[in-house]
PDB file of N, CA and C in Angstrom:
ATOM      1  N   MET A   1     117.653  69.834 105.395  1.00  0.00           N
ATOM      2  CA  MET A   1     118.555  69.325 106.400  1.00  0.00           C
ATOM      3  C   MET A   1     117.747  68.636 107.496  1.00  0.00           C
ATOM      4  N   ILE A   2     118.382  67.645 108.109  1.00  0.00           N
ATOM      5  CA  ILE A   2     117.698  66.914 109.167  1.00  0.00           C
ATOM      6  C   ILE A   2     118.602  66.739 110.383  1.00  0.00           C
ATOM      7  N   VAL A   3     117.951  66.635 111.536  1.00  0.00           N
ATOM      8  CA  VAL A   3     118.613  66.296 112.794  1.00  0.00           C
ATOM      9  C   VAL A   3     118.031  64.966 113.251  1.00  0.00           C
ATOM     10  N   ILE A   4     118.889  64.060 113.685  1.00  0.00           N
ATOM     11  CA  ILE A   4     118.459  62.733 114.120  1.00  0.00           C
ATOM     12  C   ILE A   4     118.513  62.657 115.637  1.00  0.00           C
ATOM     13  N   ASP A   5     117.427  62.179 116.238  1.00  0.00           N
ATOM     14  CA  ASP A   5     117.369  61.964 117.682  1.00  0.00           C
ATOM     15  C   ASP A   5     117.990  60.607 118.021  1.00  0.00           C
ATOM     16  N   SER A   6     118.396  60.455 119.263  1.00  0.00           N
ATOM     17  CA  SER A   6     119.087  59.242 119.692  1.00  0.00           C
ATOM     18  C   SER A   6     118.236  57.981 119.540  1.00  0.00           C
ATOM     19  N   ASN A   7     116.921  58.072 119.718  1.00  0.00           N
ATOM     20  CA  ASN A   7     116.102  56.856 119.658  1.00  0.00           C
ATOM     21  C   ASN A   7     116.131  56.204 118.277  1.00  0.00           C
ATOM     22  N   ILE A   8     116.295  56.994 117.245  1.00  0.00           N
ATOM     23  CA  ILE A   8     116.408  56.443 115.883  1.00  0.00           C
ATOM     24  C   ILE A   8     117.699  55.633 115.768  1.00  0.00           C
ATOM     25  N   LEU A   9     118.775  56.191 116.285  1.00  0.00           N
ATOM     26  CA  LEU A   9     120.071  55.514 116.205  1.00  0.00           C
ATOM     27  C   LEU A   9     120.122  54.287 117.107  1.00  0.00           C
ATOM     28  N   ILE A  10     119.438  54.346 118.244  1.00  0.00           N
ATOM     29  CA  ILE A  10     119.363  53.172 119.117  1.00  0.00           C
ATOM     30  C   ILE A  10     118.625  52.035 118.402  1.00  0.00           C
ATOM     31  N   ASP A  11     117.521  52.366 117.753  1.00  0.00           N
ATOM     32  CA  ASP A  11     116.807  51.340 116.973  1.00  0.00           C
ATOM     33  C   ASP A  11     117.720  50.734 115.910  1.00  0.00           C
ATOM     34  N   TYR A  12     118.486  51.583 115.239  1.00  0.00           N
ATOM     35  CA  TYR A  12     119.413  51.112 114.208  1.00  0.00           C
ATOM     36  C   TYR A  12     120.444  50.147 114.816  1.00  0.00           C
ATOM     37  N   LEU A  13     121.024  50.552 115.936  1.00  0.00           N
ATOM     38  CA  LEU A  13     122.045  49.727 116.574  1.00  0.00           C
ATOM     39  C   LEU A  13     121.485  48.407 117.101  1.00  0.00           C
ATOM     40  N   ARG A  14     120.182  48.370 117.340  1.00  0.00           N
ATOM     41  CA  ARG A  14     119.511  47.137 117.788  1.00  0.00           C
ATOM     42  C   ARG A  14     118.984  46.319 116.613  1.00  0.00           C
ATOM     43  N   ASP A  15     119.410  46.689 115.409  1.00  0.00           N
ATOM     44  CA  ASP A  15     119.044  45.967 114.179  1.00  0.00           C
ATOM     45  C   ASP A  15     117.546  45.974 113.895  1.00  0.00           C
ATOM     46  N   PHE A  16     116.857  47.037 114.275  1.00  0.00           N
ATOM     47  CA  PHE A  16     115.435  47.169 113.969  1.00  0.00           C
ATOM     48  C   PHE A  16     115.325  47.532 112.493  1.00  0.00           C
ATOM     49  N   ALA A  17     114.677  46.665 111.708  1.00  0.00           N
ATOM     50  CA  ALA A  17     114.668  46.784 110.241  1.00  0.00           C
ATOM     51  C   ALA A  17     114.197  48.151 109.739  1.00  0.00           C
ATOM     52  N   PRO A  18     113.090  48.717 110.244  1.00  0.00           N
ATOM     53  CA  PRO A  18     112.675  50.037 109.739  1.00  0.00           C
ATOM     54  C   PRO A  18     113.731  51.123 109.992  1.00  0.00           C
ATOM     55  N   ALA A  19     114.391  51.054 111.133  1.00  0.00           N
ATOM     56  CA  ALA A  19     115.447  52.032 111.432  1.00  0.00           C
ATOM     57  C   ALA A  19     116.632  51.837 110.497  1.00  0.00           C
ATOM     58  N   LYS A  20     116.965  50.601 110.240  1.00  0.00           N
ATOM     59  CA  LYS A  20     118.073  50.324 109.316  1.00  0.00           C
ATOM     60  C   LYS A  20     117.771  50.890 107.931  1.00  0.00           C
ATOM     61  N   ARG A  21     116.549  50.660 107.449  1.00  0.00           N
ATOM     62  CA  ARG A  21     116.175  51.196 106.131  1.00  0.00           C
ATOM     63  C   ARG A  21     116.240  52.729 106.136  1.00  0.00           C
ATOM     64  N   PHE A  22     115.748  53.343 107.197  1.00  0.00           N
ATOM     65  CA  PHE A  22     115.765  54.800 107.269  1.00  0.00           C
ATOM     66  C   PHE A  22     117.200  55.332 107.273  1.00  0.00           C
ATOM     67  N   ILE A  23     118.032  54.791 108.127  1.00  0.00           N
ATOM     68  CA  ILE A  23     119.428  55.259 108.230  1.00  0.00           C
ATOM     69  C   ILE A  23     120.162  55.053 106.909  1.00  0.00           C
ATOM     70  N   MET A  24     119.942  53.913 106.268  1.00  0.00           N
ATOM     71  CA  MET A  24     120.621  53.631 105.004  1.00  0.00           C
ATOM     72  C   MET A  24     120.141  54.561 103.886  1.00  0.00           C
ATOM     73  N   SER A  25     118.953  55.121 104.036  1.00  0.00           N
ATOM     74  CA  SER A  25     118.416  56.005 102.999  1.00  0.00           C
ATOM     75  C   SER A  25     118.890  57.455 103.143  1.00  0.00           C
ATOM     76  N   LEU A  26     119.545  57.762 104.246  1.00  0.00           N
ATOM     77  CA  LEU A  26     119.964  59.142 104.478  1.00  0.00           C
ATOM     78  C   LEU A  26     121.114  59.550 103.562  1.00  0.00           C
ATOM     79  N   PRO A  27     121.116  60.791 103.125  1.00  0.00           N
ATOM     80  CA  PRO A  27     122.254  61.274 102.326  1.00  0.00           C
ATOM     81  C   PRO A  27     123.469  61.486 103.229  1.00  0.00           C
ATOM     82  N   ASP A  28     124.621  61.596 102.630  1.00  0.00           N
ATOM     83  CA  ASP A  28     125.836  61.845 103.407  1.00  0.00           C
ATOM     84  C   ASP A  28     125.928  63.307 103.850  1.00  0.00           C
ATOM     85  N   GLN A  29     125.268  64.188 103.137  1.00  0.00           N
ATOM     86  CA  GLN A  29     125.307  65.620 103.454  1.00  0.00           C
ATOM     87  C   GLN A  29     123.973  66.068 104.036  1.00  0.00           C
ATOM     88  N   GLY A  30     124.026  67.082 104.901  1.00  0.00           N
ATOM     89  CA  GLY A  30     122.799  67.660 105.429  1.00  0.00           C
ATOM     90  C   GLY A  30     122.160  66.884 106.562  1.00  0.00           C
ATOM     91  N   VAL A  31     122.910  65.954 107.154  1.00  0.00           N
ATOM     92  CA  VAL A  31     122.418  65.179 108.290  1.00  0.00           C
ATOM     93  C   VAL A  31     123.230  65.586 109.512  1.00  0.00           C
ATOM     94  N   PHE A  32     122.513  65.959 110.577  1.00  0.00           N
ATOM     95  CA  PHE A  32     123.153  66.454 111.794  1.00  0.00           C
ATOM     96  C   PHE A  32     122.682  65.664 113.001  1.00  0.00           C
ATOM     97  N   PHE A  33     123.493  65.671 114.032  1.00  0.00           N
ATOM     98  CA  PHE A  33     123.085  65.147 115.337  1.00  0.00           C
ATOM     99  C   PHE A  33     123.725  66.028 116.393  1.00  0.00           C
ATOM    100  N   SER A  34     123.021  66.178 117.500  1.00  0.00           N
ATOM    101  CA  SER A  34     123.524  66.981 118.607  1.00  0.00           C
ATOM    102  C   SER A  34     124.612  66.215 119.353  1.00  0.00           C
ATOM    103  N   ALA A  35     125.560  66.946 119.911  1.00  0.00           N
ATOM    104  CA  ALA A  35     126.586  66.316 120.740  1.00  0.00           C
ATOM    105  C   ALA A  35     125.947  65.548 121.896  1.00  0.00           C
ATOM    106  N   VAL A  36     124.791  66.007 122.372  1.00  0.00           N
ATOM    107  CA  VAL A  36     124.107  65.307 123.461  1.00  0.00           C
ATOM    108  C   VAL A  36     123.613  63.935 122.997  1.00  0.00           C
ATOM    109  N   VAL A  37     123.275  63.782 121.733  1.00  0.00           N
ATOM    110  CA  VAL A  37     122.887  62.475 121.190  1.00  0.00           C
ATOM    111  C   VAL A  37     124.078  61.528 121.254  1.00  0.00           C
ATOM    112  N   GLU A  38     125.239  62.008 120.888  1.00  0.00           N
ATOM    113  CA  GLU A  38     126.445  61.179 120.991  1.00  0.00           C
ATOM    114  C   GLU A  38     126.674  60.759 122.439  1.00  0.00           C
ATOM    115  N   THR A  39     126.486  61.679 123.371  1.00  0.00           N
ATOM    116  CA  THR A  39     126.635  61.376 124.791  1.00  0.00           C
ATOM    117  C   THR A  39     125.656  60.297 125.228  1.00  0.00           C
ATOM    118  N   GLU A  40     124.388  60.446 124.823  1.00  0.00           N
ATOM    119  CA  GLU A  40     123.374  59.446 125.184  1.00  0.00           C
ATOM    120  C   GLU A  40     123.734  58.073 124.632  1.00  0.00           C
ATOM    121  N   LEU A  41     124.212  58.026 123.405  1.00  0.00           N
ATOM    122  CA  LEU A  41     124.575  56.745 122.794  1.00  0.00           C
ATOM    123  C   LEU A  41     125.793  56.125 123.474  1.00  0.00           C
ATOM    124  N   LEU A  42     126.792  56.930 123.770  1.00  0.00           N
ATOM    125  CA  LEU A  42     128.007  56.411 124.399  1.00  0.00           C
ATOM    126  C   LEU A  42     127.785  55.979 125.842  1.00  0.00           C
ATOM    127  N   ALA A  43     126.727  56.470 126.467  1.00  0.00           N
ATOM    128  CA  ALA A  43     126.421  56.101 127.851  1.00  0.00           C
ATOM    129  C   ALA A  43     125.907  54.669 127.957  1.00  0.00           C
ATOM    130  N   GLY A  44     125.494  54.086 126.841  1.00  0.00           N
ATOM    131  CA  GLY A  44     124.982  52.713 126.866  1.00  0.00           C
ATOM    132  C   GLY A  44     126.059  51.715 127.249  1.00  0.00           C
ATOM    133  N   ARG A  45     125.667  50.741 128.038  1.00  0.00           N
ATOM    134  CA  ARG A  45     126.620  49.719 128.511  1.00  0.00           C
ATOM    135  C   ARG A  45     127.273  48.935 127.380  1.00  0.00           C
ATOM    136  N   GLU A  46     126.582  48.878 126.224  1.00  0.00           N
ATOM    137  CA  GLU A  46     127.137  48.153 125.085  1.00  0.00           C
ATOM    138  C   GLU A  46     128.514  48.698 124.705  1.00  0.00           C
ATOM    139  N   ASN A  47     128.767  49.957 125.051  1.00  0.00           N
ATOM    140  CA  ASN A  47     130.025  50.586 124.668  1.00  0.00           C
ATOM    141  C   ASN A  47     131.204  50.178 125.543  1.00  0.00           C
ATOM    142  N   ASN A  48     130.948  49.277 126.498  1.00  0.00           N
ATOM    143  CA  ASN A  48     132.065  48.653 127.206  1.00  0.00           C
ATOM    144  C   ASN A  48     132.831  47.736 126.260  1.00  0.00           C
ATOM    145  N   ASP A  49     132.163  47.308 125.205  1.00  0.00           N
ATOM    146  CA  ASP A  49     132.786  46.512 124.150  1.00  0.00           C
ATOM    147  C   ASP A  49     133.447  47.489 123.181  1.00  0.00           C
ATOM    148  N   VAL A  50     134.772  47.462 123.104  1.00  0.00           N
ATOM    149  CA  VAL A  50     135.504  48.446 122.298  1.00  0.00           C
ATOM    150  C   VAL A  50     135.166  48.350 120.816  1.00  0.00           C
ATOM    151  N   VAL A  51     134.822  47.161 120.348  1.00  0.00           N
ATOM    152  CA  VAL A  51     134.459  46.993 118.937  1.00  0.00           C
ATOM    153  C   VAL A  51     133.127  47.694 118.657  1.00  0.00           C
ATOM    154  N   LEU A  52     132.135  47.466 119.518  1.00  0.00           N
ATOM    155  CA  LEU A  52     130.833  48.118 119.337  1.00  0.00           C
ATOM    156  C   LEU A  52     130.948  49.631 119.461  1.00  0.00           C
ATOM    157  N   ARG A  53     131.775  50.083 120.391  1.00  0.00           N
ATOM    158  CA  ARG A  53     131.993  51.523 120.559  1.00  0.00           C
ATOM    159  C   ARG A  53     132.610  52.117 119.288  1.00  0.00           C
ATOM    160  N   ALA A  54     133.590  51.439 118.735  1.00  0.00           N
ATOM    161  CA  ALA A  54     134.238  51.914 117.504  1.00  0.00           C
ATOM    162  C   ALA A  54     133.238  51.942 116.341  1.00  0.00           C
ATOM    163  N   MET A  55     132.362  50.928 116.266  1.00  0.00           N
ATOM    164  CA  MET A  55     131.346  50.899 115.210  1.00  0.00           C
ATOM    165  C   MET A  55     130.381  52.082 115.351  1.00  0.00           C
ATOM    166  N   LEU A  56     130.001  52.389 116.576  1.00  0.00           N
ATOM    167  CA  LEU A  56     129.110  53.519 116.821  1.00  0.00           C
ATOM    168  C   LEU A  56     129.766  54.821 116.376  1.00  0.00           C
ATOM    169  N   LEU A  57     130.990  55.031 116.799  1.00  0.00           N
ATOM    170  CA  LEU A  57     131.689  56.271 116.430  1.00  0.00           C
ATOM    171  C   LEU A  57     131.917  56.366 114.929  1.00  0.00           C
ATOM    172  N   GLN A  58     132.171  55.242 114.285  1.00  0.00           N
ATOM    173  CA  GLN A  58     132.332  55.224 112.830  1.00  0.00           C
ATOM    174  C   GLN A  58     131.034  55.615 112.145  1.00  0.00           C
ATOM    175  N   MET A  59     129.901  55.080 112.636  1.00  0.00           N
ATOM    176  CA  MET A  59     128.610  55.417 112.052  1.00  0.00           C
ATOM    177  C   MET A  59     128.357  56.921 112.184  1.00  0.00           C
ATOM    178  N   LEU A  60     128.602  57.478 113.351  1.00  0.00           N
ATOM    179  CA  LEU A  60     128.353  58.900 113.571  1.00  0.00           C
ATOM    180  C   LEU A  60     129.275  59.793 112.738  1.00  0.00           C
ATOM    181  N   SER A  61     130.439  59.292 112.407  1.00  0.00           N
ATOM    182  CA  SER A  61     131.426  60.117 111.700  1.00  0.00           C
ATOM    183  C   SER A  61     130.985  60.508 110.287  1.00  0.00           C
ATOM    184  N   LYS A  62     129.980  59.821 109.725  1.00  0.00           N
ATOM    185  CA  LYS A  62     129.533  60.187 108.377  1.00  0.00           C
ATOM    186  C   LYS A  62     128.638  61.417 108.356  1.00  0.00           C
ATOM    187  N   TRP A  63     128.168  61.850 109.536  1.00  0.00           N
ATOM    188  CA  TRP A  63     127.293  63.019 109.622  1.00  0.00           C
ATOM    189  C   TRP A  63     127.970  64.137 110.402  1.00  0.00           C
ATOM    190  N   SER A  64     127.295  65.252 110.528  1.00  0.00           N
ATOM    191  CA  SER A  64     127.864  66.427 111.187  1.00  0.00           C
ATOM    192  C   SER A  64     127.362  66.540 112.624  1.00  0.00           C
ATOM    193  N   LYS A  65     128.308  66.525 113.556  1.00  0.00           N
ATOM    194  CA  LYS A  65     127.964  66.719 114.965  1.00  0.00           C
ATOM    195  C   LYS A  65     127.865  68.210 115.245  1.00  0.00           C
ATOM    196  N   VAL A  66     126.801  68.599 115.948  1.00  0.00           N
ATOM    197  CA  VAL A  66     126.606  69.998 116.320  1.00  0.00           C
ATOM    198  C   VAL A  66     126.895  70.128 117.808  1.00  0.00           C
ATOM    199  N   SER A  67     127.917  70.910 118.128  1.00  0.00           N
ATOM    200  CA  SER A  67     128.262  71.146 119.527  1.00  0.00           C
ATOM    201  C   SER A  67     127.240  72.060 120.178  1.00  0.00           C
ATOM    202  N   VAL A  68     127.179  71.979 121.489  1.00  0.00           N
ATOM    203  CA  VAL A  68     126.289  72.864 122.238  1.00  0.00           C
ATOM    204  C   VAL A  68     127.034  74.174 122.467  1.00  0.00           C
ATOM    205  N   ASP A  69     126.717  75.156 121.627  1.00  0.00           N
ATOM    206  CA  ASP A  69     127.325  76.480 121.805  1.00  0.00           C
ATOM    207  C   ASP A  69     126.369  77.351 122.614  1.00  0.00           C
ATOM    208  N   ASN A  70     126.731  78.599 122.820  1.00  0.00           N
ATOM    209  CA  ASN A  70     125.913  79.483 123.635  1.00  0.00           C
ATOM    210  C   ASN A  70     124.509  79.669 123.059  1.00  0.00           C
ATOM    211  N   THR A  71     124.404  79.829 121.747  1.00  0.00           N
ATOM    212  CA  THR A  71     123.100  80.030 121.120  1.00  0.00           C
ATOM    213  C   THR A  71     122.190  78.837 121.371  1.00  0.00           C
ATOM    214  N   ILE A  72     122.700  77.630 121.146  1.00  0.00           N
ATOM    215  CA  ILE A  72     121.903  76.425 121.366  1.00  0.00           C
ATOM    216  C   ILE A  72     121.565  76.268 122.845  1.00  0.00           C
ATOM    217  N   ALA A  73     122.505  76.583 123.715  1.00  0.00           N
ATOM    218  CA  ALA A  73     122.253  76.486 125.158  1.00  0.00           C
ATOM    219  C   ALA A  73     121.116  77.416 125.589  1.00  0.00           C
ATOM    220  N   VAL A  74     121.111  78.634 125.074  1.00  0.00           N
ATOM    221  CA  VAL A  74     120.065  79.597 125.428  1.00  0.00           C
ATOM    222  C   VAL A  74     118.707  79.135 124.900  1.00  0.00           C
ATOM    223  N   ILE A  75     118.678  78.707 123.641  1.00  0.00           N
ATOM    224  CA  ILE A  75     117.420  78.210 123.061  1.00  0.00           C
ATOM    225  C   ILE A  75     116.915  77.002 123.851  1.00  0.00           C
ATOM    226  N   ALA A  76     117.822  76.080 124.177  1.00  0.00           N
ATOM    227  CA  ALA A  76     117.440  74.879 124.926  1.00  0.00           C
ATOM    228  C   ALA A  76     116.917  75.239 126.314  1.00  0.00           C
ATOM    229  N   GLY A  77     117.544  76.190 126.960  1.00  0.00           N
ATOM    230  CA  GLY A  77     117.053  76.621 128.267  1.00  0.00           C
ATOM    231  C   GLY A  77     115.648  77.173 128.179  1.00  0.00           C
ATOM    232  N   ASP A  78     115.405  77.969 127.159  1.00  0.00           N
ATOM    233  CA  ASP A  78     114.058  78.519 126.952  1.00  0.00           C
ATOM    234  C   ASP A  78     113.049  77.402 126.693  1.00  0.00           C
ATOM    235  N   ILE A  79     113.420  76.430 125.865  1.00  0.00           N
ATOM    236  CA  ILE A  79     112.528  75.305 125.558  1.00  0.00           C
ATOM    237  C   ILE A  79     112.223  74.512 126.823  1.00  0.00           C
ATOM    238  N   ALA A  80     113.244  74.207 127.603  1.00  0.00           N
ATOM    239  CA  ALA A  80     113.048  73.434 128.834  1.00  0.00           C
ATOM    240  C   ALA A  80     112.100  74.153 129.794  1.00  0.00           C
ATOM    241  N   ARG A  81     112.293  75.429 129.936  1.00  0.00           N
ATOM    242  CA  ARG A  81     111.461  76.223 130.846  1.00  0.00           C
ATOM    243  C   ARG A  81     110.037  76.387 130.316  1.00  0.00           C
ATOM    244  N   GLU A  82     109.897  76.753 129.055  1.00  0.00           N
ATOM    245  CA  GLU A  82     108.578  77.061 128.493  1.00  0.00           C
ATOM    246  C   GLU A  82     107.716  75.830 128.241  1.00  0.00           C
ATOM    247  N   TYR A  83     108.343  74.706 127.894  1.00  0.00           N
ATOM    248  CA  TYR A  83     107.574  73.533 127.489  1.00  0.00           C
ATOM    249  C   TYR A  83     107.719  72.344 128.434  1.00  0.00           C
ATOM    250  N   GLY A  84     108.535  72.471 129.473  1.00  0.00           N
ATOM    251  CA  GLY A  84     108.715  71.379 130.412  1.00  0.00           C
ATOM    252  C   GLY A  84     109.446  70.187 129.835  1.00  0.00           C
ATOM    253  N   VAL A  85     110.271  70.441 128.843  1.00  0.00           N
ATOM    254  CA  VAL A  85     111.034  69.379 128.171  1.00  0.00           C
ATOM    255  C   VAL A  85     112.332  69.124 128.942  1.00  0.00           C
ATOM    256  N   GLN A  86     112.705  67.856 129.062  1.00  0.00           N
ATOM    257  CA  GLN A  86     113.963  67.506 129.717  1.00  0.00           C
ATOM    258  C   GLN A  86     115.143  68.097 128.946  1.00  0.00           C
ATOM    259  N   THR A  87     116.218  68.390 129.646  1.00  0.00           N
ATOM    260  CA  THR A  87     117.364  69.075 129.039  1.00  0.00           C
ATOM    261  C   THR A  87     117.912  68.379 127.792  1.00  0.00           C
ATOM    262  N   PRO A  88     118.137  67.057 127.791  1.00  0.00           N
ATOM    263  CA  PRO A  88     118.658  66.447 126.552  1.00  0.00           C
ATOM    264  C   PRO A  88     117.739  66.674 125.354  1.00  0.00           C
ATOM    265  N   ASP A  89     116.427  66.500 125.556  1.00  0.00           N
ATOM    266  CA  ASP A  89     115.479  66.733 124.457  1.00  0.00           C
ATOM    267  C   ASP A  89     115.456  68.201 124.056  1.00  0.00           C
ATOM    268  N   ALA A  90     115.565  69.095 125.028  1.00  0.00           N
ATOM    269  CA  ALA A  90     115.594  70.534 124.721  1.00  0.00           C
ATOM    270  C   ALA A  90     116.813  70.873 123.878  1.00  0.00           C
ATOM    271  N   LEU A  91     117.955  70.248 124.159  1.00  0.00           N
ATOM    272  CA  LEU A  91     119.170  70.489 123.376  1.00  0.00           C
ATOM    273  C   LEU A  91     119.032  69.961 121.951  1.00  0.00           C
ATOM    274  N   VAL A  92     118.391  68.802 121.795  1.00  0.00           N
ATOM    275  CA  VAL A  92     118.159  68.251 120.454  1.00  0.00           C
ATOM    276  C   VAL A  92     117.217  69.167 119.677  1.00  0.00           C
ATOM    277  N   ALA A  93     116.143  69.606 120.321  1.00  0.00           N
ATOM    278  CA  ALA A  93     115.191  70.513 119.668  1.00  0.00           C
ATOM    279  C   ALA A  93     115.869  71.824 119.291  1.00  0.00           C
ATOM    280  N   ALA A  94     116.672  72.364 120.181  1.00  0.00           N
ATOM    281  CA  ALA A  94     117.376  73.619 119.906  1.00  0.00           C
ATOM    282  C   ALA A  94     118.335  73.459 118.732  1.00  0.00           C
ATOM    283  N   THR A  95     118.965  72.311 118.624  1.00  0.00           N
ATOM    284  CA  THR A  95     119.858  72.032 117.497  1.00  0.00           C
ATOM    285  C   THR A  95     119.082  72.077 116.190  1.00  0.00           C
ATOM    286  N   ALA A  96     117.913  71.449 116.175  1.00  0.00           N
ATOM    287  CA  ALA A  96     117.089  71.449 114.954  1.00  0.00           C
ATOM    288  C   ALA A  96     116.592  72.855 114.631  1.00  0.00           C
ATOM    289  N   LEU A  97     116.154  73.592 115.634  1.00  0.00           N
ATOM    290  CA  LEU A  97     115.672  74.956 115.393  1.00  0.00           C
ATOM    291  C   LEU A  97     116.787  75.855 114.879  1.00  0.00           C
ATOM    292  N   GLU A  98     117.933  75.791 115.506  1.00  0.00           N
ATOM    293  CA  GLU A  98     119.046  76.671 115.134  1.00  0.00           C
ATOM    294  C   GLU A  98     119.553  76.371 113.725  1.00  0.00           C
ATOM    295  N   SER A  99     119.531  75.110 113.324  1.00  0.00           N
ATOM    296  CA  SER A  99     120.011  74.740 111.989  1.00  0.00           C
ATOM    297  C   SER A  99     118.896  74.743 110.948  1.00  0.00           C
ATOM    298  N   GLU A 100     117.689  75.122 111.375  1.00  0.00           N
ATOM    299  CA  GLU A 100     116.517  75.137 110.496  1.00  0.00           C
ATOM    300  C   GLU A 100     116.317  73.787 109.822  1.00  0.00           C
ATOM    301  N   SER A 101     116.423  72.738 110.622  1.00  0.00           N
ATOM    302  CA  SER A 101     116.313  71.364 110.142  1.00  0.00           C
ATOM    303  C   SER A 101     115.017  70.724 110.621  1.00  0.00           C
ATOM    304  N   ILE A 102     114.681  69.603 109.997  1.00  0.00           N
ATOM    305  CA  ILE A 102     113.583  68.763 110.459  1.00  0.00           C
ATOM    306  C   ILE A 102     114.163  67.770 111.459  1.00  0.00           C
ATOM    307  N   LEU A 103     113.512  67.633 112.604  1.00  0.00           N
ATOM    308  CA  LEU A 103     113.940  66.675 113.616  1.00  0.00           C
ATOM    309  C   LEU A 103     113.231  65.345 113.374  1.00  0.00           C
ATOM    310  N   TYR A 104     114.014  64.286 113.190  1.00  0.00           N
ATOM    311  CA  TYR A 104     113.472  62.939 113.060  1.00  0.00           C
ATOM    312  C   TYR A 104     113.623  62.226 114.391  1.00  0.00           C
ATOM    313  N   THR A 105     112.488  61.781 114.937  1.00  0.00           N
ATOM    314  CA  THR A 105     112.449  61.133 116.242  1.00  0.00           C
ATOM    315  C   THR A 105     111.263  60.189 116.307  1.00  0.00           C
ATOM    316  N   ASN A 106     111.321  59.243 117.222  1.00  0.00           N
ATOM    317  CA  ASN A 106     110.168  58.401 117.503  1.00  0.00           C
ATOM    318  C   ASN A 106     109.379  58.931 118.697  1.00  0.00           C
ATOM    319  N   ASN A 107     109.894  59.945 119.344  1.00  0.00           N
ATOM    320  CA  ASN A 107     109.227  60.544 120.502  1.00  0.00           C
ATOM    321  C   ASN A 107     108.547  61.851 120.105  1.00  0.00           C
ATOM    322  N   ILE A 108     107.648  61.770 119.171  1.00  0.00           N
ATOM    323  CA  ILE A 108     106.943  62.952 118.685  1.00  0.00           C
ATOM    324  C   ILE A 108     106.319  63.726 119.835  1.00  0.00           C
ATOM    325  N   LYS A 109     105.747  63.020 120.801  1.00  0.00           N
ATOM    326  CA  LYS A 109     105.047  63.687 121.906  1.00  0.00           C
ATOM    327  C   LYS A 109     105.964  64.590 122.721  1.00  0.00           C
ATOM    328  N   HIS A 110     107.254  64.302 122.754  1.00  0.00           N
ATOM    329  CA  HIS A 110     108.189  65.151 123.500  1.00  0.00           C
ATOM    330  C   HIS A 110     108.428  66.491 122.804  1.00  0.00           C
ATOM    331  N   PHE A 111     108.172  66.537 121.503  1.00  0.00           N
ATOM    332  CA  PHE A 111     108.585  67.691 120.712  1.00  0.00           C
ATOM    333  C   PHE A 111     107.464  68.438 119.990  1.00  0.00           C
ATOM    334  N   ARG A 112     106.336  67.802 119.759  1.00  0.00           N
ATOM    335  CA  ARG A 112     105.320  68.355 118.861  1.00  0.00           C
ATOM    336  C   ARG A 112     104.767  69.709 119.272  1.00  0.00           C
ATOM    337  N   HIS A 113     104.822  70.053 120.535  1.00  0.00           N
ATOM    338  CA  HIS A 113     104.259  71.315 120.999  1.00  0.00           C
ATOM    339  C   HIS A 113     105.247  72.484 120.958  1.00  0.00           C
ATOM    340  N   ILE A 114     106.482  72.227 120.553  1.00  0.00           N
ATOM    341  CA  ILE A 114     107.499  73.282 120.525  1.00  0.00           C
ATOM    342  C   ILE A 114     107.311  74.132 119.263  1.00  0.00           C
ATOM    343  N   LYS A 115     107.078  75.389 119.493  1.00  0.00           N
ATOM    344  CA  LYS A 115     106.784  76.328 118.400  1.00  0.00           C
ATOM    345  C   LYS A 115     107.915  76.359 117.370  1.00  0.00           C
ATOM    346  N   ASN A 116     107.522  76.316 116.106  1.00  0.00           N
ATOM    347  CA  ASN A 116     108.417  76.407 114.943  1.00  0.00           C
ATOM    348  C   ASN A 116     109.310  75.188 114.726  1.00  0.00           C
ATOM    349  N   LEU A 117     109.188  74.175 115.541  1.00  0.00           N
ATOM    350  CA  LEU A 117     109.996  72.966 115.370  1.00  0.00           C
ATOM    351  C   LEU A 117     109.274  72.018 114.417  1.00  0.00           C
ATOM    352  N   LYS A 118     109.980  71.606 113.363  1.00  0.00           N
ATOM    353  CA  LYS A 118     109.432  70.628 112.405  1.00  0.00           C
ATOM    354  C   LYS A 118     109.887  69.241 112.860  1.00  0.00           C
ATOM    355  N   VAL A 119     108.905  68.382 113.147  1.00  0.00           N
ATOM    356  CA  VAL A 119     109.199  67.055 113.691  1.00  0.00           C
ATOM    357  C   VAL A 119     108.566  65.992 112.796  1.00  0.00           C
ATOM    358  N   ARG A 120     109.316  64.932 112.533  1.00  0.00           N
ATOM    359  CA  ARG A 120     108.815  63.816 111.726  1.00  0.00           C
ATOM    360  C   ARG A 120     109.182  62.498 112.409  1.00  0.00           C
ATOM    361  N   LYS A 121     108.302  61.539 112.249  1.00  0.00           N
ATOM    362  CA  LYS A 121     108.570  60.170 112.692  1.00  0.00           C
ATOM    363  C   LYS A 121     108.942  59.377 111.448  1.00  0.00           C
ATOM    364  N   PRO A 122     110.132  58.803 111.393  1.00  0.00           N
ATOM    365  CA  PRO A 122     110.594  58.180 110.137  1.00  0.00           C
ATOM    366  C   PRO A 122     109.996  56.813 109.831  1.00  0.00           C
ATOM    367  N   TYR A 123     109.461  56.143 110.821  1.00  0.00           N
ATOM    368  CA  TYR A 123     108.830  54.839 110.620  1.00  0.00           C
ATOM    369  C   TYR A 123     107.824  54.631 111.737  1.00  0.00           C
ATOM    370  N   PRO A 124     106.823  53.766 111.505  1.00  0.00           N
ATOM    371  CA  PRO A 124     105.678  53.712 112.414  1.00  0.00           C
ATOM    372  C   PRO A 124     105.919  53.088 113.786  1.00  0.00           C
ATOM    373  N   GLN A 125     106.801  52.133 113.899  1.00  0.00           N
ATOM    374  CA  GLN A 125     107.014  51.463 115.170  1.00  0.00           C
ATOM    375  C   GLN A 125     108.463  51.608 115.583  1.00  0.00           C
ATOM    376  N   SER A 126     108.705  51.358 116.877  1.00  0.00           N
ATOM    377  CA  SER A 126     110.057  51.508 117.402  1.00  0.00           C
ATOM    378  C   SER A 126     110.362  50.430 118.425  1.00  0.00           C
ATOM    379  N   ASN A 127     111.631  50.100 118.539  1.00  0.00           N
ATOM    380  CA  ASN A 127     112.092  49.185 119.591  1.00  0.00           C
ATOM    381  C   ASN A 127     112.429  49.935 120.861  1.00  0.00           C
ATOM    382  N   THR A 128     112.569  51.276 120.764  1.00  0.00           N
ATOM    383  CA  THR A 128     112.978  52.050 121.944  1.00  0.00           C
ATOM    384  C   THR A 128     111.792  52.545 122.720  1.00  0.00           C
TER     385      THR A 128
END
């Protein structure tokens, strides 16, 4: 199972070819994203365009959104405190830890020091 960070999806939405190839290669099952990732994506000004917003929500609908429940909130709080990680990143990391998934992100440096978290960079360069 995998969890996708927002920067991967931002690259995809910006038509970055490596991100497009990665996203297109994902299976329909076993792919998760944190509700905070959806929030980060929807906060973009591009979503003032109702068509682009609908396309974003349609893309996300093929995977499983993980809500921030009490367990994830507690884990994220611990991560933020222990590792100095910003709350959104702590919530994404907690989602991956709780679901025993690999986190795919381009911000390896934000996550690599978190104990027991499996982190992968899906392609070498990024637009984000």
